[in-house]
Amino acid sequence: MIESWNECVIIQLPDLDGVQIVWTPGRAATLLSESWPIDYGVAYLDALNKCTDAMLGTYPWEQARDAFLEAIAEAKVAKLR
């Protein structure tokens, strides 16, 4: 069973059309590794690791969401929710 966050994160990335609605750490990890506007930074690396670990079941899901929000702020990604 795939769990989802209690609240989605809606962002707009420069290289992707439309908004991205993120409900899971797996989706967050995919965006971070494949479409993120930067590939460096403390928050970026932390979020990538925590979201990947949460996807594998070795890290708390909601804490991975918090790390993803920090990566959003660090990269100055447009957050709509």
PDB file of N, CA and C in Angstrom:
ATOM      1  N   MET A   1       0.837  -1.187   0.000  1.00  0.00           N
ATOM      2  CA  MET A   1       0.000   0.000   0.000  1.00  0.00           C
ATOM      3  C   MET A   1       0.884   1.255   0.000  1.00  0.00           C
ATOM      4  N   ILE A   2       0.588   2.177  -0.885  1.00  0.00           N
ATOM      5  CA  ILE A   2       1.322   3.435  -0.944  1.00  0.00           C
ATOM      6  C   ILE A   2       0.599   4.454  -0.074  1.00  0.00           C
ATOM      7  N   GLU A   3       1.320   4.980   0.882  1.00  0.00           N
ATOM      8  CA  GLU A   3       0.762   6.016   1.751  1.00  0.00           C
ATOM      9  C   GLU A   3       0.971   7.373   1.097  1.00  0.00           C
ATOM     10  N   SER A   4       0.191   8.331   1.533  1.00  0.00           N
ATOM     11  CA  SER A   4       0.375   9.687   1.031  1.00  0.00           C
ATOM     12  C   SER A   4       0.462  10.645   2.214  1.00  0.00           C
ATOM     13  N   TRP A   5       0.979  11.834   1.920  1.00  0.00           N
ATOM     14  CA  TRP A   5       1.064  12.859   2.949  1.00  0.00           C
ATOM     15  C   TRP A   5      -0.331  13.332   3.308  1.00  0.00           C
ATOM     16  N   ASN A   6      -0.483  13.903   4.488  1.00  0.00           N
ATOM     17  CA  ASN A   6      -1.780  14.430   4.925  1.00  0.00           C
ATOM     18  C   ASN A   6      -2.209  15.630   4.087  1.00  0.00           C
ATOM     19  N   GLU A   7      -1.236  16.343   3.550  1.00  0.00           N
ATOM     20  CA  GLU A   7      -1.522  17.510   2.711  1.00  0.00           C
ATOM     21  C   GLU A   7      -0.555  17.506   1.536  1.00  0.00           C
ATOM     22  N   CYS A   8      -1.078  17.699   0.354  1.00  0.00           N
ATOM     23  CA  CYS A   8      -0.212  17.702  -0.823  1.00  0.00           C
ATOM     24  C   CYS A   8       0.623  18.978  -0.879  1.00  0.00           C
ATOM     25  N   VAL A   9       1.639  18.941  -1.702  1.00  0.00           N
ATOM     26  CA  VAL A   9       2.471  20.110  -1.985  1.00  0.00           C
ATOM     27  C   VAL A   9       2.318  20.384  -3.472  1.00  0.00           C
ATOM     28  N   ILE A  10       1.957  21.607  -3.817  1.00  0.00           N
ATOM     29  CA  ILE A  10       1.770  21.980  -5.215  1.00  0.00           C
ATOM     30  C   ILE A  10       2.855  22.979  -5.588  1.00  0.00           C
ATOM     31  N   ILE A  11       3.647  22.601  -6.593  1.00  0.00           N
ATOM     32  CA  ILE A  11       4.763  23.452  -7.019  1.00  0.00           C
ATOM     33  C   ILE A  11       4.744  23.599  -8.532  1.00  0.00           C
ATOM     34  N   GLN A  12       5.485  24.593  -8.989  1.00  0.00           N
ATOM     35  CA  GLN A  12       5.672  24.789 -10.418  1.00  0.00           C
ATOM     36  C   GLN A  12       7.165  24.822 -10.691  1.00  0.00           C
ATOM     37  N   LEU A  13       7.626  23.877 -11.505  1.00  0.00           N
ATOM     38  CA  LEU A  13       9.037  23.791 -11.851  1.00  0.00           C
ATOM     39  C   LEU A  13       9.267  24.369 -13.238  1.00  0.00           C
ATOM     40  N   PRO A  14      10.363  25.090 -13.434  1.00  0.00           N
ATOM     41  CA  PRO A  14      10.592  25.772 -14.707  1.00  0.00           C
ATOM     42  C   PRO A  14      10.684  24.844 -15.917  1.00  0.00           C
ATOM     43  N   ASP A  15      11.169  23.632 -15.745  1.00  0.00           N
ATOM     44  CA  ASP A  15      11.358  22.736 -16.888  1.00  0.00           C
ATOM     45  C   ASP A  15      10.167  21.821 -17.175  1.00  0.00           C
ATOM     46  N   LEU A  16       9.118  21.902 -16.372  1.00  0.00           N
ATOM     47  CA  LEU A  16       7.941  21.052 -16.566  1.00  0.00           C
ATOM     48  C   LEU A  16       6.711  21.913 -16.825  1.00  0.00           C
ATOM     49  N   ASP A  17       5.855  21.454 -17.717  1.00  0.00           N
ATOM     50  CA  ASP A  17       4.618  22.172 -18.002  1.00  0.00           C
ATOM     51  C   ASP A  17       3.614  21.941 -16.881  1.00  0.00           C
ATOM     52  N   GLY A  18       2.902  22.979 -16.521  1.00  0.00           N
ATOM     53  CA  GLY A  18       1.849  22.866 -15.521  1.00  0.00           C
ATOM     54  C   GLY A  18       2.401  22.737 -14.116  1.00  0.00           C
ATOM     55  N   VAL A  19       1.485  22.576 -13.186  1.00  0.00           N
ATOM     56  CA  VAL A  19       1.874  22.429 -11.791  1.00  0.00           C
ATOM     57  C   VAL A  19       2.089  20.951 -11.471  1.00  0.00           C
ATOM     58  N   GLN A  20       2.875  20.712 -10.445  1.00  0.00           N
ATOM     59  CA  GLN A  20       3.139  19.359  -9.972  1.00  0.00           C
ATOM     60  C   GLN A  20       2.475  19.210  -8.613  1.00  0.00           C
ATOM     61  N   ILE A  21       1.597  18.247  -8.498  1.00  0.00           N
ATOM     62  CA  ILE A  21       0.910  17.974  -7.241  1.00  0.00           C
ATOM     63  C   ILE A  21       1.596  16.767  -6.618  1.00  0.00           C
ATOM     64  N   VAL A  22       2.225  16.996  -5.467  1.00  0.00           N
ATOM     65  CA  VAL A  22       3.061  15.978  -4.845  1.00  0.00           C
ATOM     66  C   VAL A  22       2.384  15.469  -3.573  1.00  0.00           C
ATOM     67  N   TRP A  23       2.056  14.181  -3.567  1.00  0.00           N
ATOM     68  CA  TRP A  23       1.401  13.544  -2.421  1.00  0.00           C
ATOM     69  C   TRP A  23       2.303  12.572  -1.689  1.00  0.00           C
ATOM     70  N   THR A  24       3.415  12.154  -2.312  1.00  0.00           N
ATOM     71  CA  THR A  24       4.238  11.101  -1.712  1.00  0.00           C
ATOM     72  C   THR A  24       5.716  11.470  -1.754  1.00  0.00           C
ATOM     73  N   PRO A  25       6.505  10.901  -0.847  1.00  0.00           N
ATOM     74  CA  PRO A  25       7.934  11.135  -0.902  1.00  0.00           C
ATOM     75  C   PRO A  25       8.566  10.539  -2.148  1.00  0.00           C
ATOM     76  N   GLY A  26       7.967   9.489  -2.693  1.00  0.00           N
ATOM     77  CA  GLY A  26       8.488   8.910  -3.931  1.00  0.00           C
ATOM     78  C   GLY A  26       8.415   9.903  -5.075  1.00  0.00           C
ATOM     79  N   ARG A  27       7.286  10.585  -5.194  1.00  0.00           N
ATOM     80  CA  ARG A  27       7.131  11.608  -6.247  1.00  0.00           C
ATOM     81  C   ARG A  27       8.085  12.775  -5.992  1.00  0.00           C
ATOM     82  N   ALA A  28       8.225  13.165  -4.727  1.00  0.00           N
ATOM     83  CA  ALA A  28       9.151  14.244  -4.384  1.00  0.00           C
ATOM     84  C   ALA A  28      10.581  13.863  -4.766  1.00  0.00           C
ATOM     85  N   ALA A  29      10.988  12.637  -4.452  1.00  0.00           N
ATOM     86  CA  ALA A  29      12.337  12.176  -4.782  1.00  0.00           C
ATOM     87  C   ALA A  29      12.557  12.175  -6.290  1.00  0.00           C
ATOM     88  N   THR A  30      11.546  11.766  -7.046  1.00  0.00           N
ATOM     89  CA  THR A  30      11.659  11.769  -8.507  1.00  0.00           C
ATOM     90  C   THR A  30      11.845  13.188  -9.034  1.00  0.00           C
ATOM     91  N   LEU A  31      11.049  14.115  -8.539  1.00  0.00           N
ATOM     92  CA  LEU A  31      11.188  15.505  -8.981  1.00  0.00           C
ATOM     93  C   LEU A  31      12.548  16.068  -8.598  1.00  0.00           C
ATOM     94  N   LEU A  32      12.987  15.778  -7.383  1.00  0.00           N
ATOM     95  CA  LEU A  32      14.289  16.264  -6.935  1.00  0.00           C
ATOM     96  C   LEU A  32      15.421  15.723  -7.801  1.00  0.00           C
ATOM     97  N   SER A  33      15.351  14.469  -8.166  1.00  0.00           N
ATOM     98  CA  SER A  33      16.453  13.861  -8.908  1.00  0.00           C
ATOM     99  C   SER A  33      16.394  14.115 -10.409  1.00  0.00           C
ATOM    100  N   GLU A  34      15.203  14.361 -10.956  1.00  0.00           N
ATOM    101  CA  GLU A  34      15.075  14.468 -12.409  1.00  0.00           C
ATOM    102  C   GLU A  34      14.739  15.863 -12.932  1.00  0.00           C
ATOM    103  N   SER A  35      14.080  16.690 -12.126  1.00  0.00           N
ATOM    104  CA  SER A  35      13.560  17.949 -12.668  1.00  0.00           C
ATOM    105  C   SER A  35      13.858  19.172 -11.816  1.00  0.00           C
ATOM    106  N   TRP A  36      14.637  19.002 -10.774  1.00  0.00           N
ATOM    107  CA  TRP A  36      14.876  20.115  -9.856  1.00  0.00           C
ATOM    108  C   TRP A  36      15.780  21.146 -10.510  1.00  0.00           C
ATOM    109  N   PRO A  37      15.525  22.440 -10.285  1.00  0.00           N
ATOM    110  CA  PRO A  37      16.317  23.471 -10.951  1.00  0.00           C
ATOM    111  C   PRO A  37      17.767  23.565 -10.455  1.00  0.00           C
ATOM    112  N   ILE A  38      18.070  23.001  -9.286  1.00  0.00           N
ATOM    113  CA  ILE A  38      19.449  22.958  -8.803  1.00  0.00           C
ATOM    114  C   ILE A  38      19.765  21.528  -8.367  1.00  0.00           C
ATOM    115  N   ASP A  39      21.030  21.181  -8.398  1.00  0.00           N
ATOM    116  CA  ASP A  39      21.412  19.842  -7.943  1.00  0.00           C
ATOM    117  C   ASP A  39      22.508  19.923  -6.880  1.00  0.00           C
ATOM    118  N   TYR A  40      22.374  20.914  -6.020  1.00  0.00           N
ATOM    119  CA  TYR A  40      23.313  21.129  -4.930  1.00  0.00           C
ATOM    120  C   TYR A  40      22.542  21.766  -3.778  1.00  0.00           C
ATOM    121  N   GLY A  41      23.193  21.917  -2.661  1.00  0.00           N
ATOM    122  CA  GLY A  41      22.590  22.584  -1.515  1.00  0.00           C
ATOM    123  C   GLY A  41      22.268  21.614  -0.396  1.00  0.00           C
ATOM    124  N   VAL A  42      22.354  22.120   0.810  1.00  0.00           N
ATOM    125  CA  VAL A  42      22.117  21.308   2.000  1.00  0.00           C
ATOM    126  C   VAL A  42      20.683  20.792   2.031  1.00  0.00           C
ATOM    127  N   ALA A  43      19.714  21.661   1.813  1.00  0.00           N
ATOM    128  CA  ALA A  43      18.311  21.248   1.869  1.00  0.00           C
ATOM    129  C   ALA A  43      17.969  20.294   0.727  1.00  0.00           C
ATOM    130  N   TYR A  44      18.531  20.533  -0.445  1.00  0.00           N
ATOM    131  CA  TYR A  44      18.300  19.648  -1.587  1.00  0.00           C
ATOM    132  C   TYR A  44      18.766  18.234  -1.270  1.00  0.00           C
ATOM    133  N   LEU A  45      20.007  18.084  -0.830  1.00  0.00           N
ATOM    134  CA  LEU A  45      20.555  16.760  -0.532  1.00  0.00           C
ATOM    135  C   LEU A  45      19.813  16.091   0.618  1.00  0.00           C
ATOM    136  N   ASP A  46      19.463  16.888   1.638  1.00  0.00           N
ATOM    137  CA  ASP A  46      18.721  16.356   2.775  1.00  0.00           C
ATOM    138  C   ASP A  46      17.358  15.828   2.327  1.00  0.00           C
ATOM    139  N   ALA A  47      16.648  16.615   1.521  1.00  0.00           N
ATOM    140  CA  ALA A  47      15.324  16.198   1.050  1.00  0.00           C
ATOM    141  C   ALA A  47      15.413  14.977   0.143  1.00  0.00           C
ATOM    142  N   LEU A  48      16.378  14.943  -0.733  1.00  0.00           N
ATOM    143  CA  LEU A  48      16.535  13.797  -1.619  1.00  0.00           C
ATOM    144  C   LEU A  48      16.763  12.519  -0.808  1.00  0.00           C
ATOM    145  N   ASN A  49      17.636  12.590   0.182  1.00  0.00           N
ATOM    146  CA  ASN A  49      17.911  11.432   1.029  1.00  0.00           C
ATOM    147  C   ASN A  49      16.694  11.035   1.863  1.00  0.00           C
ATOM    148  N   LYS A  50      16.048  12.007   2.495  1.00  0.00           N
ATOM    149  CA  LYS A  50      14.923  11.698   3.377  1.00  0.00           C
ATOM    150  C   LYS A  50      13.703  11.210   2.591  1.00  0.00           C
ATOM    151  N   CYS A  51      13.437  11.800   1.443  1.00  0.00           N
ATOM    152  CA  CYS A  51      12.302  11.350   0.635  1.00  0.00           C
ATOM    153  C   CYS A  51      12.549   9.941   0.090  1.00  0.00           C
ATOM    154  N   THR A  52      13.771   9.675  -0.318  1.00  0.00           N
ATOM    155  CA  THR A  52      14.111   8.329  -0.793  1.00  0.00           C
ATOM    156  C   THR A  52      13.984   7.321   0.342  1.00  0.00           C
ATOM    157  N   ASP A  53      14.497   7.662   1.513  1.00  0.00           N
ATOM    158  CA  ASP A  53      14.392   6.762   2.663  1.00  0.00           C
ATOM    159  C   ASP A  53      12.934   6.537   3.061  1.00  0.00           C
ATOM    160  N   ALA A  54      12.119   7.588   3.027  1.00  0.00           N
ATOM    161  CA  ALA A  54      10.704   7.445   3.356  1.00  0.00           C
ATOM    162  C   ALA A  54       9.999   6.546   2.345  1.00  0.00           C
ATOM    163  N   MET A  55      10.350   6.689   1.087  1.00  0.00           N
ATOM    164  CA  MET A  55       9.780   5.855   0.036  1.00  0.00           C
ATOM    165  C   MET A  55      10.102   4.384   0.302  1.00  0.00           C
ATOM    166  N   LEU A  56      11.289   4.117   0.836  1.00  0.00           N
ATOM    167  CA  LEU A  56      11.718   2.754   1.135  1.00  0.00           C
ATOM    168  C   LEU A  56      11.217   2.267   2.499  1.00  0.00           C
ATOM    169  N   GLY A  57      10.580   3.172   3.247  1.00  0.00           N
ATOM    170  CA  GLY A  57      10.011   2.790   4.536  1.00  0.00           C
ATOM    171  C   GLY A  57      10.957   2.902   5.716  1.00  0.00           C
ATOM    172  N   THR A  58      12.079   3.603   5.547  1.00  0.00           N
ATOM    173  CA  THR A  58      13.048   3.712   6.632  1.00  0.00           C
ATOM    174  C   THR A  58      13.122   5.111   7.247  1.00  0.00           C
ATOM    175  N   TYR A  59      12.199   5.988   6.868  1.00  0.00           N
ATOM    176  CA  TYR A  59      12.168   7.350   7.415  1.00  0.00           C
ATOM    177  C   TYR A  59      10.715   7.802   7.474  1.00  0.00           C
ATOM    178  N   PRO A  60      10.332   8.589   8.495  1.00  0.00           N
ATOM    179  CA  PRO A  60       8.942   9.040   8.612  1.00  0.00           C
ATOM    180  C   PRO A  60       8.492   9.910   7.434  1.00  0.00           C
ATOM    181  N   TRP A  61       7.331   9.585   6.903  1.00  0.00           N
ATOM    182  CA  TRP A  61       6.794  10.269   5.716  1.00  0.00           C
ATOM    183  C   TRP A  61       6.619  11.764   5.918  1.00  0.00           C
ATOM    184  N   GLU A  62       6.004  12.151   7.034  1.00  0.00           N
ATOM    185  CA  GLU A  62       5.715  13.573   7.239  1.00  0.00           C
ATOM    186  C   GLU A  62       6.993  14.381   7.440  1.00  0.00           C
ATOM    187  N   GLN A  63       8.023  13.787   8.027  1.00  0.00           N
ATOM    188  CA  GLN A  63       9.302  14.490   8.175  1.00  0.00           C
ATOM    189  C   GLN A  63       9.988  14.650   6.819  1.00  0.00           C
ATOM    190  N   ALA A  64       9.780  13.682   5.938  1.00  0.00           N
ATOM    191  CA  ALA A  64      10.303  13.811   4.574  1.00  0.00           C
ATOM    192  C   ALA A  64       9.612  14.978   3.868  1.00  0.00           C
ATOM    193  N   ARG A  65       8.321  15.169   4.134  1.00  0.00           N
ATOM    194  CA  ARG A  65       7.589  16.301   3.552  1.00  0.00           C
ATOM    195  C   ARG A  65       8.205  17.617   4.015  1.00  0.00           C
ATOM    196  N   ASP A  66       8.523  17.708   5.300  1.00  0.00           N
ATOM    197  CA  ASP A  66       9.152  18.917   5.834  1.00  0.00           C
ATOM    198  C   ASP A  66      10.489  19.190   5.135  1.00  0.00           C
ATOM    199  N   ALA A  67      11.261  18.145   4.907  1.00  0.00           N
ATOM    200  CA  ALA A  67      12.540  18.302   4.213  1.00  0.00           C
ATOM    201  C   ALA A  67      12.321  18.762   2.771  1.00  0.00           C
ATOM    202  N   PHE A  68      11.283  18.229   2.127  1.00  0.00           N
ATOM    203  CA  PHE A  68      10.956  18.650   0.763  1.00  0.00           C
ATOM    204  C   PHE A  68      10.588  20.133   0.737  1.00  0.00           C
ATOM    205  N   LEU A  69       9.834  20.592   1.718  1.00  0.00           N
ATOM    206  CA  LEU A  69       9.476  22.010   1.798  1.00  0.00           C
ATOM    207  C   LEU A  69      10.728  22.886   1.961  1.00  0.00           C
ATOM    208  N   GLU A  70      11.701  22.409   2.717  1.00  0.00           N
ATOM    209  CA  GLU A  70      12.961  23.154   2.864  1.00  0.00           C
ATOM    210  C   GLU A  70      13.708  23.241   1.532  1.00  0.00           C
ATOM    211  N   ALA A  71      13.690  22.147   0.768  1.00  0.00           N
ATOM    212  CA  ALA A  71      14.343  22.148  -0.546  1.00  0.00           C
ATOM    213  C   ALA A  71      13.642  23.113  -1.503  1.00  0.00           C
ATOM    214  N   ILE A  72      12.327  23.202  -1.397  1.00  0.00           N
ATOM    215  CA  ILE A  72      11.556  24.149  -2.211  1.00  0.00           C
ATOM    216  C   ILE A  72      11.998  25.576  -1.904  1.00  0.00           C
ATOM    217  N   ALA A  73      12.113  25.883  -0.615  1.00  0.00           N
ATOM    218  CA  ALA A  73      12.533  27.230  -0.216  1.00  0.00           C
ATOM    219  C   ALA A  73      13.961  27.516  -0.675  1.00  0.00           C
ATOM    220  N   GLU A  74      14.851  26.544  -0.513  1.00  0.00           N
ATOM    221  CA  GLU A  74      16.249  26.732  -0.902  1.00  0.00           C
ATOM    222  C   GLU A  74      16.392  27.022  -2.397  1.00  0.00           C
ATOM    223  N   ALA A  75      15.632  26.308  -3.220  1.00  0.00           N
ATOM    224  CA  ALA A  75      15.735  26.467  -4.675  1.00  0.00           C
ATOM    225  C   ALA A  75      14.854  27.599  -5.205  1.00  0.00           C
ATOM    226  N   LYS A  76      14.079  28.211  -4.323  1.00  0.00           N
ATOM    227  CA  LYS A  76      13.160  29.289  -4.701  1.00  0.00           C
ATOM    228  C   LYS A  76      12.169  28.814  -5.772  1.00  0.00           C
ATOM    229  N   VAL A  77      11.699  27.597  -5.584  1.00  0.00           N
ATOM    230  CA  VAL A  77      10.672  27.012  -6.468  1.00  0.00           C
ATOM    231  C   VAL A  77       9.327  27.631  -6.089  1.00  0.00           C
ATOM    232  N   ALA A  78       8.504  27.915  -7.090  1.00  0.00           N
ATOM    233  CA  ALA A  78       7.177  28.468  -6.834  1.00  0.00           C
ATOM    234  C   ALA A  78       6.310  27.422  -6.152  1.00  0.00           C
ATOM    235  N   LYS A  79       5.866  27.738  -4.929  1.00  0.00           N
ATOM    236  CA  LYS A  79       4.996  26.835  -4.161  1.00  0.00           C
ATOM    237  C   LYS A  79       3.614  27.456  -4.121  1.00  0.00           C
ATOM    238  N   LEU A  80       2.645  26.710  -4.622  1.00  0.00           N
ATOM    239  CA  LEU A  80       1.286  27.214  -4.687  1.00  0.00           C
ATOM    240  C   LEU A  80       0.438  26.746  -3.509  1.00  0.00           C
ATOM    241  N   ARG A  81       0.902  25.667  -2.863  1.00  0.00           N
ATOM    242  CA  ARG A  81       0.224  25.169  -1.657  1.00  0.00           C
ATOM    243  C   ARG A  81       1.133  24.235  -0.932  1.00  0.00           C
TER     244      ARG A  81
END
